[in-house]
Amino acid sequence: NASRAGVKRACENSLKRLSTDRIDLYLLHWPGSVPLSETVEAFETLKREGKIRHWGVSNFDTDEMEELVGLRSGSNVQTNQILYNL
């Protein structure tokens, strides 16, 4: 769930499972029904709280990346992990 509450909950659960207090790179694995601006805001909150160092996305196409970088704080995205097959 990429909602503000869902991102926070998922991150907290990951921190517990990994027995750590910070995740270096936290990814949104695909765009969903939640407005991307809400997800970006949640990632930025996690950064300010020191729970993640950087955030990124995966499986975003060109149009989705253009939407992302057009959002407030969207240009803070660090990576887009793309599917690659030989």
PDB file of N, CA and C in Angstrom:
ATOM      1  N   ASN A   1       0.843  -1.176   0.000  1.00  0.00           N
ATOM      2  CA  ASN A   1       0.000   0.000   0.000  1.00  0.00           C
ATOM      3  C   ASN A   1       0.884   1.234   0.000  1.00  0.00           C
ATOM      4  N   ALA A   2       0.737   2.076  -0.995  1.00  0.00           N
ATOM      5  CA  ALA A   2       1.595   3.249  -1.158  1.00  0.00           C
ATOM      6  C   ALA A   2       0.986   4.511  -0.554  1.00  0.00           C
ATOM      7  N   SER A   3      -0.033   4.356   0.280  1.00  0.00           N
ATOM      8  CA  SER A   3      -0.602   5.518   0.967  1.00  0.00           C
ATOM      9  C   SER A   3       0.382   6.002   2.028  1.00  0.00           C
ATOM     10  N   ARG A   4       0.146   7.187   2.533  1.00  0.00           N
ATOM     11  CA  ARG A   4       1.014   7.747   3.574  1.00  0.00           C
ATOM     12  C   ARG A   4       1.141   6.769   4.749  1.00  0.00           C
ATOM     13  N   ALA A   5       0.005   6.302   5.249  1.00  0.00           N
ATOM     14  CA  ALA A   5       0.015   5.373   6.381  1.00  0.00           C
ATOM     15  C   ALA A   5       0.609   4.020   5.993  1.00  0.00           C
ATOM     16  N   GLY A   6       0.302   3.558   4.784  1.00  0.00           N
ATOM     17  CA  GLY A   6       0.816   2.269   4.332  1.00  0.00           C
ATOM     18  C   GLY A   6       2.327   2.259   4.177  1.00  0.00           C
ATOM     19  N   VAL A   7       2.884   3.342   3.642  1.00  0.00           N
ATOM     20  CA  VAL A   7       4.339   3.447   3.480  1.00  0.00           C
ATOM     21  C   VAL A   7       5.013   3.451   4.846  1.00  0.00           C
ATOM     22  N   LYS A   8       4.471   4.235   5.770  1.00  0.00           N
ATOM     23  CA  LYS A   8       5.045   4.306   7.119  1.00  0.00           C
ATOM     24  C   LYS A   8       5.006   2.935   7.792  1.00  0.00           C
ATOM     25  N   ARG A   9       3.860   2.265   7.708  1.00  0.00           N
ATOM     26  CA  ARG A   9       3.697   0.948   8.322  1.00  0.00           C
ATOM     27  C   ARG A   9       4.660  -0.071   7.703  1.00  0.00           C
ATOM     28  N   ALA A  10       4.752  -0.069   6.383  1.00  0.00           N
ATOM     29  CA  ALA A  10       5.640  -1.016   5.701  1.00  0.00           C
ATOM     30  C   ALA A  10       7.096  -0.763   6.075  1.00  0.00           C
ATOM     31  N   CYS A  11       7.479   0.503   6.155  1.00  0.00           N
ATOM     32  CA  CYS A  11       8.853   0.832   6.521  1.00  0.00           C
ATOM     33  C   CYS A  11       9.155   0.380   7.949  1.00  0.00           C
ATOM     34  N   GLU A  12       8.254   0.679   8.870  1.00  0.00           N
ATOM     35  CA  GLU A  12       8.441   0.262  10.268  1.00  0.00           C
ATOM     36  C   GLU A  12       8.593  -1.259  10.358  1.00  0.00           C
ATOM     37  N   ASN A  13       7.770  -1.987   9.626  1.00  0.00           N
ATOM     38  CA  ASN A  13       7.866  -3.452   9.627  1.00  0.00           C
ATOM     39  C   ASN A  13       9.197  -3.919   9.053  1.00  0.00           C
ATOM     40  N   SER A  14       9.658  -3.271   7.989  1.00  0.00           N
ATOM     41  CA  SER A  14      10.950  -3.634   7.394  1.00  0.00           C
ATOM     42  C   SER A  14      12.088  -3.359   8.362  1.00  0.00           C
ATOM     43  N   LEU A  15      12.046  -2.226   9.034  1.00  0.00           N
ATOM     44  CA  LEU A  15      13.089  -1.896  10.010  1.00  0.00           C
ATOM     45  C   LEU A  15      13.157  -2.956  11.102  1.00  0.00           C
ATOM     46  N   LYS A  16      12.009  -3.399  11.584  1.00  0.00           N
ATOM     47  CA  LYS A  16      11.975  -4.437  12.622  1.00  0.00           C
ATOM     48  C   LYS A  16      12.538  -5.751  12.099  1.00  0.00           C
ATOM     49  N   ARG A  17      12.084  -6.172  10.906  1.00  0.00           N
ATOM     50  CA  ARG A  17      12.557  -7.445  10.343  1.00  0.00           C
ATOM     51  C   ARG A  17      14.057  -7.432  10.084  1.00  0.00           C
ATOM     52  N   LEU A  18      14.580  -6.269   9.682  1.00  0.00           N
ATOM     53  CA  LEU A  18      16.004  -6.145   9.377  1.00  0.00           C
ATOM     54  C   LEU A  18      16.847  -5.828  10.609  1.00  0.00           C
ATOM     55  N   SER A  19      16.207  -5.610  11.731  1.00  0.00           N
ATOM     56  CA  SER A  19      16.892  -5.248  12.982  1.00  0.00           C
ATOM     57  C   SER A  19      17.831  -4.067  12.780  1.00  0.00           C
ATOM     58  N   THR A  20      17.293  -3.004  12.207  1.00  0.00           N
ATOM     59  CA  THR A  20      18.083  -1.799  11.963  1.00  0.00           C
ATOM     60  C   THR A  20      17.219  -0.577  12.232  1.00  0.00           C
ATOM     61  N   ASP A  21      17.858   0.583  12.260  1.00  0.00           N
ATOM     62  CA  ASP A  21      17.100   1.810  12.495  1.00  0.00           C
ATOM     63  C   ASP A  21      17.022   2.689  11.256  1.00  0.00           C
ATOM     64  N   ARG A  22      17.686   2.251  10.159  1.00  0.00           N
ATOM     65  CA  ARG A  22      17.618   3.027   8.921  1.00  0.00           C
ATOM     66  C   ARG A  22      17.828   2.111   7.718  1.00  0.00           C
ATOM     67  N   ILE A  23      17.095   2.408   6.646  1.00  0.00           N
ATOM     68  CA  ILE A  23      17.226   1.693   5.375  1.00  0.00           C
ATOM     69  C   ILE A  23      17.896   2.647   4.395  1.00  0.00           C
ATOM     70  N   ASP A  24      18.956   2.186   3.739  1.00  0.00           N
ATOM     71  CA  ASP A  24      19.714   3.058   2.838  1.00  0.00           C
ATOM     72  C   ASP A  24      18.930   3.449   1.590  1.00  0.00           C
ATOM     73  N   LEU A  25      18.200   2.518   1.001  1.00  0.00           N
ATOM     74  CA  LEU A  25      17.440   2.799  -0.217  1.00  0.00           C
ATOM     75  C   LEU A  25      16.102   2.080  -0.134  1.00  0.00           C
ATOM     76  N   TYR A  26      15.029   2.850  -0.134  1.00  0.00           N
ATOM     77  CA  TYR A  26      13.677   2.310   0.003  1.00  0.00           C
ATOM     78  C   TYR A  26      12.934   2.536  -1.309  1.00  0.00           C
ATOM     79  N   LEU A  27      12.357   1.463  -1.873  1.00  0.00           N
ATOM     80  CA  LEU A  27      11.749   1.541  -3.203  1.00  0.00           C
ATOM     81  C   LEU A  27      10.236   1.356  -3.191  1.00  0.00           C
ATOM     82  N   LEU A  28       9.582   2.119  -4.054  1.00  0.00           N
ATOM     83  CA  LEU A  28       8.191   1.873  -4.430  1.00  0.00           C
ATOM     84  C   LEU A  28       8.258   0.983  -5.662  1.00  0.00           C
ATOM     85  N   HIS A  29       7.689  -0.215  -5.588  1.00  0.00           N
ATOM     86  CA  HIS A  29       7.911  -1.192  -6.656  1.00  0.00           C
ATOM     87  C   HIS A  29       7.033  -1.027  -7.881  1.00  0.00           C
ATOM     88  N   TRP A  30       5.944  -0.319  -7.788  1.00  0.00           N
ATOM     89  CA  TRP A  30       5.141  -0.023  -8.966  1.00  0.00           C
ATOM     90  C   TRP A  30       4.131   1.052  -8.590  1.00  0.00           C
ATOM     91  N   PRO A  31       3.747   1.851  -9.561  1.00  0.00           N
ATOM     92  CA  PRO A  31       2.717   2.854  -9.282  1.00  0.00           C
ATOM     93  C   PRO A  31       1.376   2.158  -9.062  1.00  0.00           C
ATOM     94  N   GLY A  32       0.558   2.734  -8.226  1.00  0.00           N
ATOM     95  CA  GLY A  32      -0.734   2.115  -7.943  1.00  0.00           C
ATOM     96  C   GLY A  32      -1.851   3.134  -7.966  1.00  0.00           C
ATOM     97  N   SER A  33      -2.879   2.877  -7.191  1.00  0.00           N
ATOM     98  CA  SER A  33      -4.058   3.742  -7.189  1.00  0.00           C
ATOM     99  C   SER A  33      -3.908   4.961  -6.280  1.00  0.00           C
ATOM    100  N   VAL A  34      -2.932   4.942  -5.387  1.00  0.00           N
ATOM    101  CA  VAL A  34      -2.689   6.077  -4.488  1.00  0.00           C
ATOM    102  C   VAL A  34      -1.988   7.177  -5.274  1.00  0.00           C
ATOM    103  N   PRO A  35      -2.396   8.426  -5.098  1.00  0.00           N
ATOM    104  CA  PRO A  35      -1.694   9.509  -5.802  1.00  0.00           C
ATOM    105  C   PRO A  35      -0.193   9.479  -5.496  1.00  0.00           C
ATOM    106  N   LEU A  36       0.595   9.585  -6.534  1.00  0.00           N
ATOM    107  CA  LEU A  36       2.045   9.532  -6.388  1.00  0.00           C
ATOM    108  C   LEU A  36       2.550  10.621  -5.444  1.00  0.00           C
ATOM    109  N   SER A  37       1.903  11.764  -5.439  1.00  0.00           N
ATOM    110  CA  SER A  37       2.316  12.855  -4.551  1.00  0.00           C
ATOM    111  C   SER A  37       2.227  12.441  -3.086  1.00  0.00           C
ATOM    112  N   GLU A  38       1.248  11.632  -2.735  1.00  0.00           N
ATOM    113  CA  GLU A  38       1.104  11.153  -1.355  1.00  0.00           C
ATOM    114  C   GLU A  38       2.252  10.218  -0.985  1.00  0.00           C
ATOM    115  N   THR A  39       2.627   9.356  -1.909  1.00  0.00           N
ATOM    116  CA  THR A  39       3.732   8.433  -1.664  1.00  0.00           C
ATOM    117  C   THR A  39       5.044   9.187  -1.520  1.00  0.00           C
ATOM    118  N   VAL A  40       5.285  10.153  -2.393  1.00  0.00           N
ATOM    119  CA  VAL A  40       6.510  10.956  -2.314  1.00  0.00           C
ATOM    120  C   VAL A  40       6.567  11.690  -0.980  1.00  0.00           C
ATOM    121  N   GLU A  41       5.460  12.247  -0.562  1.00  0.00           N
ATOM    122  CA  GLU A  41       5.408  12.941   0.726  1.00  0.00           C
ATOM    123  C   GLU A  41       5.760  11.986   1.867  1.00  0.00           C
ATOM    124  N   ALA A  42       5.249  10.759   1.795  1.00  0.00           N
ATOM    125  CA  ALA A  42       5.555   9.761   2.824  1.00  0.00           C
ATOM    126  C   ALA A  42       7.039   9.420   2.827  1.00  0.00           C
ATOM    127  N   PHE A  43       7.634   9.253   1.645  1.00  0.00           N
ATOM    128  CA  PHE A  43       9.071   8.976   1.563  1.00  0.00           C
ATOM    129  C   PHE A  43       9.881  10.124   2.155  1.00  0.00           C
ATOM    130  N   GLU A  44       9.503  11.340   1.831  1.00  0.00           N
ATOM    131  CA  GLU A  44      10.230  12.504   2.341  1.00  0.00           C
ATOM    132  C   GLU A  44      10.106  12.609   3.863  1.00  0.00           C
ATOM    133  N   THR A  45       8.959  12.247   4.399  1.00  0.00           N
ATOM    134  CA  THR A  45       8.789  12.228   5.856  1.00  0.00           C
ATOM    135  C   THR A  45       9.713  11.191   6.482  1.00  0.00           C
ATOM    136  N   LEU A  46       9.791  10.011   5.879  1.00  0.00           N
ATOM    137  CA  LEU A  46      10.689   8.971   6.388  1.00  0.00           C
ATOM    138  C   LEU A  46      12.142   9.431   6.351  1.00  0.00           C
ATOM    139  N   LYS A  47      12.514  10.167   5.310  1.00  0.00           N
ATOM    140  CA  LYS A  47      13.877  10.718   5.240  1.00  0.00           C
ATOM    141  C   LYS A  47      14.123  11.696   6.382  1.00  0.00           C
ATOM    142  N   ARG A  48      13.195  12.618   6.584  1.00  0.00           N
ATOM    143  CA  ARG A  48      13.353  13.606   7.660  1.00  0.00           C
ATOM    144  C   ARG A  48      13.446  12.935   9.025  1.00  0.00           C
ATOM    145  N   GLU A  49      12.725  11.847   9.197  1.00  0.00           N
ATOM    146  CA  GLU A  49      12.739  11.109  10.462  1.00  0.00           C
ATOM    147  C   GLU A  49      13.986  10.242  10.610  1.00  0.00           C
ATOM    148  N   GLY A  50      14.794  10.139   9.554  1.00  0.00           N
ATOM    149  CA  GLY A  50      16.011   9.340   9.609  1.00  0.00           C
ATOM    150  C   GLY A  50      15.784   7.852   9.435  1.00  0.00           C
ATOM    151  N   LYS A  51      14.609   7.462   8.988  1.00  0.00           N
ATOM    152  CA  LYS A  51      14.308   6.037   8.827  1.00  0.00           C
ATOM    153  C   LYS A  51      14.786   5.490   7.493  1.00  0.00           C
ATOM    154  N   ILE A  52      14.875   6.350   6.488  1.00  0.00           N
ATOM    155  CA  ILE A  52      15.467   5.962   5.210  1.00  0.00           C
ATOM    156  C   ILE A  52      16.481   7.030   4.813  1.00  0.00           C
ATOM    157  N   ARG A  53      17.472   6.608   4.062  1.00  0.00           N
ATOM    158  CA  ARG A  53      18.484   7.563   3.589  1.00  0.00           C
ATOM    159  C   ARG A  53      18.096   8.134   2.231  1.00  0.00           C
ATOM    160  N   HIS A  54      17.645   7.262   1.337  1.00  0.00           N
ATOM    161  CA  HIS A  54      17.227   7.645  -0.013  1.00  0.00           C
ATOM    162  C   HIS A  54      15.990   6.835  -0.375  1.00  0.00           C
ATOM    163  N   TRP A  55      15.280   7.302  -1.403  1.00  0.00           N
ATOM    164  CA  TRP A  55      14.142   6.538  -1.905  1.00  0.00           C
ATOM    165  C   TRP A  55      14.193   6.503  -3.424  1.00  0.00           C
ATOM    166  N   GLY A  56      13.528   5.490  -3.961  1.00  0.00           N
ATOM    167  CA  GLY A  56      13.475   5.347  -5.406  1.00  0.00           C
ATOM    168  C   GLY A  56      12.229   4.584  -5.814  1.00  0.00           C
ATOM    169  N   VAL A  57      12.178   4.241  -7.083  1.00  0.00           N
ATOM    170  CA  VAL A  57      11.038   3.523  -7.641  1.00  0.00           C
ATOM    171  C   VAL A  57      11.553   2.361  -8.482  1.00  0.00           C
ATOM    172  N   SER A  58      10.658   1.487  -8.846  1.00  0.00           N
ATOM    173  CA  SER A  58      11.002   0.444  -9.811  1.00  0.00           C
ATOM    174  C   SER A  58       9.802   0.234 -10.724  1.00  0.00           C
ATOM    175  N   ASN A  59      10.118  -0.198 -11.920  1.00  0.00           N
ATOM    176  CA  ASN A  59       9.099  -0.513 -12.922  1.00  0.00           C
ATOM    177  C   ASN A  59       8.321   0.707 -13.409  1.00  0.00           C
ATOM    178  N   PHE A  60       8.899   1.902 -13.310  1.00  0.00           N
ATOM    179  CA  PHE A  60       8.250   3.112 -13.829  1.00  0.00           C
ATOM    180  C   PHE A  60       8.659   3.308 -15.276  1.00  0.00           C
ATOM    181  N   ASP A  61       7.676   3.600 -16.133  1.00  0.00           N
ATOM    182  CA  ASP A  61       7.994   3.906 -17.524  1.00  0.00           C
ATOM    183  C   ASP A  61       8.311   5.402 -17.650  1.00  0.00           C
ATOM    184  N   THR A  62       8.594   5.846 -18.857  1.00  0.00           N
ATOM    185  CA  THR A  62       8.993   7.234 -19.090  1.00  0.00           C
ATOM    186  C   THR A  62       7.921   8.219 -18.639  1.00  0.00           C
ATOM    187  N   ASP A  63       6.672   7.953 -18.975  1.00  0.00           N
ATOM    188  CA  ASP A  63       5.586   8.857 -18.573  1.00  0.00           C
ATOM    189  C   ASP A  63       5.468   8.951 -17.056  1.00  0.00           C
ATOM    190  N   GLU A  64       5.592   7.823 -16.384  1.00  0.00           N
ATOM    191  CA  GLU A  64       5.499   7.821 -14.919  1.00  0.00           C
ATOM    192  C   GLU A  64       6.671   8.562 -14.284  1.00  0.00           C
ATOM    193  N   MET A  65       7.858   8.413 -14.874  1.00  0.00           N
ATOM    194  CA  MET A  65       9.018   9.147 -14.353  1.00  0.00           C
ATOM    195  C   MET A  65       8.852  10.646 -14.566  1.00  0.00           C
ATOM    196  N   GLU A  66       8.303  11.042 -15.714  1.00  0.00           N
ATOM    197  CA  GLU A  66       8.062  12.466 -15.962  1.00  0.00           C
ATOM    198  C   GLU A  66       7.066  13.027 -14.949  1.00  0.00           C
ATOM    199  N   GLU A  67       6.024  12.261 -14.663  1.00  0.00           N
ATOM    200  CA  GLU A  67       5.059  12.696 -13.644  1.00  0.00           C
ATOM    201  C   GLU A  67       5.756  12.840 -12.292  1.00  0.00           C
ATOM    202  N   LEU A  68       6.563  11.855 -11.954  1.00  0.00           N
ATOM    203  CA  LEU A  68       7.247  11.850 -10.663  1.00  0.00           C
ATOM    204  C   LEU A  68       8.145  13.068 -10.486  1.00  0.00           C
ATOM    205  N   VAL A  69       9.018  13.314 -11.442  1.00  0.00           N
ATOM    206  CA  VAL A  69       9.964  14.427 -11.273  1.00  0.00           C
ATOM    207  C   VAL A  69       9.266  15.783 -11.349  1.00  0.00           C
ATOM    208  N   GLY A  70       8.038  15.821 -11.840  1.00  0.00           N
ATOM    209  CA  GLY A  70       7.272  17.053 -11.861  1.00  0.00           C
ATOM    210  C   GLY A  70       6.601  17.380 -10.535  1.00  0.00           C
ATOM    211  N   LEU A  71       6.611  16.432  -9.613  1.00  0.00           N
ATOM    212  CA  LEU A  71       5.987  16.638  -8.307  1.00  0.00           C
ATOM    213  C   LEU A  71       6.927  17.365  -7.360  1.00  0.00           C
ATOM    214  N   ARG A  72       6.340  18.033  -6.377  1.00  0.00           N
ATOM    215  CA  ARG A  72       7.154  18.634  -5.320  1.00  0.00           C
ATOM    216  C   ARG A  72       7.957  17.515  -4.656  1.00  0.00           C
ATOM    217  N   SER A  73       9.244  17.660  -4.583  1.00  0.00           N
ATOM    218  CA  SER A  73      10.188  16.684  -4.021  1.00  0.00           C
ATOM    219  C   SER A  73      10.353  15.445  -4.887  1.00  0.00           C
ATOM    220  N   GLY A  74       9.666  15.368  -6.013  1.00  0.00           N
ATOM    221  CA  GLY A  74       9.801  14.207  -6.886  1.00  0.00           C
ATOM    222  C   GLY A  74      11.184  14.061  -7.485  1.00  0.00           C
ATOM    223  N   SER A  75      11.885  15.178  -7.631  1.00  0.00           N
ATOM    224  CA  SER A  75      13.239  15.111  -8.185  1.00  0.00           C
ATOM    225  C   SER A  75      14.239  14.537  -7.182  1.00  0.00           C
ATOM    226  N   ASN A  76      13.795  14.252  -5.964  1.00  0.00           N
ATOM    227  CA  ASN A  76      14.669  13.603  -4.980  1.00  0.00           C
ATOM    228  C   ASN A  76      14.781  12.100  -5.212  1.00  0.00           C
ATOM    229  N   VAL A  77      14.048  11.580  -6.192  1.00  0.00           N
ATOM    230  CA  VAL A  77      14.131  10.158  -6.514  1.00  0.00           C
ATOM    231  C   VAL A  77      15.578   9.820  -6.869  1.00  0.00           C
ATOM    232  N   GLN A  78      16.070   8.710  -6.351  1.00  0.00           N
ATOM    233  CA  GLN A  78      17.464   8.334  -6.563  1.00  0.00           C
ATOM    234  C   GLN A  78      17.665   7.263  -7.626  1.00  0.00           C
ATOM    235  N   THR A  79      16.635   6.477  -7.896  1.00  0.00           N
ATOM    236  CA  THR A  79      16.812   5.384  -8.850  1.00  0.00           C
ATOM    237  C   THR A  79      15.462   4.918  -9.388  1.00  0.00           C
ATOM    238  N   ASN A  80      15.498   4.326 -10.561  1.00  0.00           N
ATOM    239  CA  ASN A  80      14.365   3.597 -11.112  1.00  0.00           C
ATOM    240  C   ASN A  80      14.900   2.229 -11.501  1.00  0.00           C
ATOM    241  N   GLN A  81      14.580   1.230 -10.704  1.00  0.00           N
ATOM    242  CA  GLN A  81      15.018  -0.133 -10.986  1.00  0.00           C
ATOM    243  C   GLN A  81      14.111  -0.681 -12.081  1.00  0.00           C
ATOM    244  N   ILE A  82      14.690  -0.966 -13.229  1.00  0.00           N
ATOM    245  CA  ILE A  82      13.880  -1.411 -14.361  1.00  0.00           C
ATOM    246  C   ILE A  82      14.091  -2.893 -14.639  1.00  0.00           C
ATOM    247  N   LEU A  83      13.080  -3.497 -15.222  1.00  0.00           N
ATOM    248  CA  LEU A  83      13.143  -4.893 -15.614  1.00  0.00           C
ATOM    249  C   LEU A  83      14.054  -5.015 -16.827  1.00  0.00           C
ATOM    250  N   TYR A  84      14.967  -5.953 -16.776  1.00  0.00           N
ATOM    251  CA  TYR A  84      15.884  -6.146 -17.892  1.00  0.00           C
ATOM    252  C   TYR A  84      16.054  -7.637 -18.117  1.00  0.00           C
ATOM    253  N   ASN A  85      15.797  -8.077 -19.320  1.00  0.00           N
ATOM    254  CA  ASN A  85      15.961  -9.482 -19.686  1.00  0.00           C
ATOM    255  C   ASN A  85      16.802  -9.589 -20.941  1.00  0.00           C
ATOM    256  N   LEU A  86      17.612 -10.592 -21.001  1.00  0.00           N
ATOM    257  CA  LEU A  86      18.387 -10.878 -22.211  1.00  0.00           C
ATOM    258  C   LEU A  86      17.687 -11.929 -23.033  1.00  0.00           C
TER     259      LEU A  86
END
